[in-house]
Amino acid sequence: MNAVYGDADNALPISNSGMFYQSAFGGPTVAGMNPAFFPISPSMVYDSFVTIGFETNVGNAMLDIGADFTNFEAGGAIWTDNGSWFATPDDSQVYEVGGQVLIGRFTVATGEGVFGTINMQGKNADDSNWYATDVNFIEVSPHNTSHFLYSIHFAVNVGKRGTFALSDADSLNCNDLPFCRSHVH
């Protein structure tokens, strides 16, 4: 899976029921996740950001274009109808690890949720593109935890390159399909 995007036909909103946690030392994308700063600012490891595959900027070739992350950096939603975060199909981070590709970490206060609609693009073994549009998701943090912050690592189940193909369904729901799920660390 090499791109998460929003376009004129399929906008990309990712929102929350409160606010996303944003560290002053991080950034809206994984490019701001320099592990050398983790000992200096331990709360940075909870920063909310988007990514393709990797949790830090080490060896990371992810780029973004067109998406305005200003609102997201202030704790608000991500929304774009003309933007993407992506890596090229030749970058190792686009390949699944354990059947999944990480596309973001979204940290919220206990009891709050993260929800949205994403669009994705990837490559099949024959180098043709697959697309999944209007994939809805919702993840609510538990109310009965002693932790103030709850990090949701959102990963997409894509299968090994060459063994996965999407249907042409107009809408997929992460809660109903093995294709897409969120998990928590």
Protein backbone atom coordinates (compact mmCIF):
# COMPACT_ATOMS: atom_id res chain seq x y z
CA MET A 1 0.00 0.00 0.00
CA ASN A 2 1.79 3.10 -1.13
CA ALA A 3 -0.65 6.03 -0.83
CA VAL A 4 -3.41 7.42 1.35
CA TYR A 5 -5.22 10.25 -0.40
CA GLY A 6 -8.20 12.54 -0.79
CA ASP A 7 -9.39 13.84 -4.14
CA ALA A 8 -12.34 15.75 -5.60
CA ASP A 9 -14.41 12.56 -5.82
CA ASN A 10 -13.35 11.03 -2.50
CA ALA A 11 -12.35 13.44 0.27
CA LEU A 12 -10.20 12.23 3.16
CA PRO A 13 -11.38 13.27 6.63
CA ILE A 14 -9.79 11.90 9.82
CA SER A 15 -11.25 13.39 12.97
CA ASN A 16 -11.77 12.76 16.66
CA SER A 17 -14.31 13.32 19.39
CA GLY A 18 -11.90 15.57 21.30
CA MET A 19 -8.42 16.61 20.26
CA PHE A 20 -5.41 14.80 18.86
CA TYR A 21 -2.33 14.98 21.07
CA GLN A 22 0.45 16.85 19.28
CA SER A 23 3.93 17.13 20.76
CA ALA A 24 5.72 20.45 20.28
CA PHE A 25 8.74 18.42 19.14
CA GLY A 26 6.95 16.23 16.57
CA GLY A 27 5.14 17.06 13.37
CA PRO A 28 2.06 16.09 11.38
CA THR A 29 3.93 13.44 9.42
CA VAL A 30 6.44 10.78 10.36
CA ALA A 31 9.18 13.11 9.08
CA GLY A 32 9.00 14.82 12.49
CA MET A 33 9.52 11.59 14.44
CA ASN A 34 13.28 11.65 15.09
CA PRO A 35 14.06 9.00 17.72
CA ALA A 36 17.14 10.97 18.84
CA PHE A 37 14.70 13.40 20.50
CA PHE A 38 12.69 10.74 22.39
CA PRO A 39 14.98 10.84 25.48
CA ILE A 40 14.81 14.66 25.54
CA SER A 41 11.04 14.77 25.11
CA PRO A 42 9.56 11.42 26.23
CA SER A 43 5.99 12.55 25.44
CA MET A 44 7.01 12.84 21.78
CA VAL A 45 6.51 9.09 21.43
CA TYR A 46 2.75 9.78 21.73
CA ASP A 47 2.69 12.43 19.00
CA SER A 48 -0.07 12.01 16.40
CA PHE A 49 1.16 11.73 12.82
CA VAL A 50 0.52 10.13 9.44
CA THR A 51 2.89 7.66 7.82
CA ILE A 52 3.33 4.87 5.35
CA GLY A 53 4.81 1.86 7.10
CA PHE A 54 7.37 3.34 9.50
CA GLU A 55 7.04 4.77 13.03
CA THR A 56 10.09 7.07 12.82
CA ASN A 57 11.89 9.10 10.19
CA VAL A 58 14.87 6.71 10.13
CA GLY A 59 15.18 5.34 6.59
CA ASN A 60 11.77 6.76 5.79
CA ALA A 61 11.04 7.91 2.23
CA MET A 62 7.42 8.99 2.83
CA LEU A 63 6.36 12.26 1.24
CA ASP A 64 3.19 14.31 1.32
CA ILE A 65 1.69 16.73 -1.15
CA GLY A 66 -1.39 18.93 -1.16
CA ALA A 67 -2.64 18.14 2.35
CA ASP A 68 -2.76 21.06 4.79
CA PHE A 69 -1.94 19.69 8.24
CA THR A 70 -2.30 23.02 10.11
CA ASN A 71 -5.58 22.05 11.80
CA PHE A 72 -4.23 18.57 12.63
CA GLU A 73 -1.12 20.07 14.27
CA ALA A 74 -3.47 22.16 16.45
CA GLY A 75 -5.26 18.99 17.60
CA GLY A 76 -8.03 19.09 15.01
CA ALA A 77 -9.00 17.01 12.00
CA ILE A 78 -7.15 16.12 8.83
CA TRP A 79 -9.19 16.92 5.74
CA THR A 80 -8.15 17.03 2.11
CA ASP A 81 -9.76 16.73 -1.29
CA ASN A 82 -6.48 17.32 -3.10
CA GLY A 83 -3.67 15.72 -1.12
CA SER A 84 -1.82 12.56 -0.25
CA TRP A 85 0.88 10.98 1.87
CA PHE A 86 2.76 8.31 0.02
CA ALA A 87 5.93 6.37 -0.69
CA THR A 88 6.91 4.94 -4.04
CA PRO A 89 6.21 1.27 -4.77
CA ASP A 90 9.97 0.66 -4.72
CA ASP A 91 10.31 1.80 -1.08
CA SER A 92 10.42 -1.08 1.39
CA GLN A 93 8.00 0.64 3.76
CA VAL A 94 5.05 0.08 1.40
CA TYR A 95 5.25 -3.68 1.90
CA GLU A 96 3.18 -5.35 4.57
CA VAL A 97 4.66 -6.50 7.85
CA GLY A 98 2.50 -9.17 9.40
CA GLY A 99 -0.14 -8.41 6.77
CA GLN A 100 -0.34 -4.70 7.66
CA VAL A 101 0.95 -1.29 6.63
CA LEU A 102 0.86 1.45 9.27
CA ILE A 103 -0.76 4.66 8.00
CA GLY A 104 -0.88 6.75 11.15
CA ARG A 105 -0.73 7.11 14.90
CA PHE A 106 -3.56 9.10 16.44
CA THR A 107 -3.37 9.82 20.15
CA VAL A 108 -6.44 10.99 22.03
CA ALA A 109 -7.53 11.30 25.65
CA THR A 110 -9.05 8.28 27.35
CA GLY A 111 -12.65 7.79 26.29
CA GLU A 112 -12.29 9.72 23.04
CA GLY A 113 -12.42 8.24 19.58
CA VAL A 114 -10.88 8.55 16.14
CA PHE A 115 -12.96 8.19 13.00
CA GLY A 116 -12.81 8.96 9.33
CA THR A 117 -12.83 7.88 5.73
CA ILE A 118 -9.67 7.05 3.84
CA ASN A 119 -8.76 6.23 0.27
CA MET A 120 -5.77 4.06 -0.57
CA GLN A 121 -3.72 2.97 -3.53
CA GLY A 122 -1.26 0.12 -3.89
CA LYS A 123 0.38 -2.20 -6.38
CA ASN A 124 -0.51 -5.76 -7.32
CA ALA A 125 2.15 -8.31 -8.27
CA ASP A 126 1.61 -7.52 -11.97
CA ASP A 127 2.31 -3.81 -11.23
CA SER A 128 -1.30 -2.82 -11.85
CA ASN A 129 -2.79 -0.45 -9.28
CA TRP A 130 -5.48 -1.33 -6.78
CA TYR A 131 -7.65 1.30 -5.11
CA ALA A 132 -9.86 1.28 -2.04
CA THR A 133 -12.06 4.36 -1.74
CA ASP A 134 -14.38 5.56 1.00
CA VAL A 135 -13.02 3.14 3.62
CA ASN A 136 -14.73 4.16 6.86
CA PHE A 137 -13.24 3.49 10.27
CA ILE A 138 -13.93 4.25 13.92
CA GLU A 139 -11.88 3.42 16.99
CA VAL A 140 -12.90 4.47 20.49
CA SER A 141 -10.45 4.36 23.36
CA PRO A 142 -11.62 2.55 26.49
CA HIS A 143 -13.10 4.58 29.35
CA ASN A 144 -11.73 2.25 32.00
CA THR A 145 -8.02 2.86 31.68
CA SER A 146 -5.66 4.63 34.03
CA HIS A 147 -3.80 6.23 31.12
CA PHE A 148 -4.68 9.76 30.06
CA LEU A 149 -3.50 9.31 26.48
CA TYR A 150 -4.50 6.47 24.22
CA SER A 151 -2.48 5.93 21.03
CA ILE A 152 -4.24 4.30 18.13
CA HIS A 153 -1.89 2.85 15.55
CA PHE A 154 -4.00 2.54 12.44
CA ALA A 155 -2.74 -0.17 10.12
CA VAL A 156 -4.28 -1.52 6.96
CA ASN A 157 -4.34 -5.26 6.25
CA VAL A 158 -3.07 -5.62 2.71
CA GLY A 159 -1.55 -9.08 2.41
CA LYS A 160 1.71 -9.95 0.75
CA ARG A 161 2.52 -8.33 -2.58
CA GLY A 162 1.19 -10.60 -5.26
CA THR A 163 -1.49 -12.26 -3.14
CA PHE A 164 -3.95 -9.42 -2.64
CA ALA A 165 -6.52 -7.78 -4.83
CA LEU A 166 -9.38 -5.51 -3.87
CA SER A 167 -12.92 -5.83 -5.07
CA ASP A 168 -14.50 -2.91 -6.87
CA ALA A 169 -16.84 -2.24 -3.96
CA ASP A 170 -17.83 1.40 -3.65
CA SER A 171 -17.51 1.43 0.11
CA LEU A 172 -15.67 -0.69 2.63
CA ASN A 173 -16.02 -0.55 6.38
CA CYS A 174 -13.01 -1.32 8.56
CA ASN A 175 -15.22 -2.72 11.28
CA ASP A 176 -16.76 -5.29 8.94
CA LEU A 177 -13.84 -6.51 6.85
CA PRO A 178 -10.58 -8.33 7.54
CA PHE A 179 -9.01 -6.00 4.96
CA CYS A 180 -8.83 -3.06 7.31
CA ARG A 181 -8.60 -2.77 11.05
CA SER A 182 -7.14 -0.59 13.70
CA HIS A 183 -5.04 -1.80 16.56
CA VAL A 184 -3.66 -0.25 19.68
CA HIS A 185 -0.21 -0.17 21.22
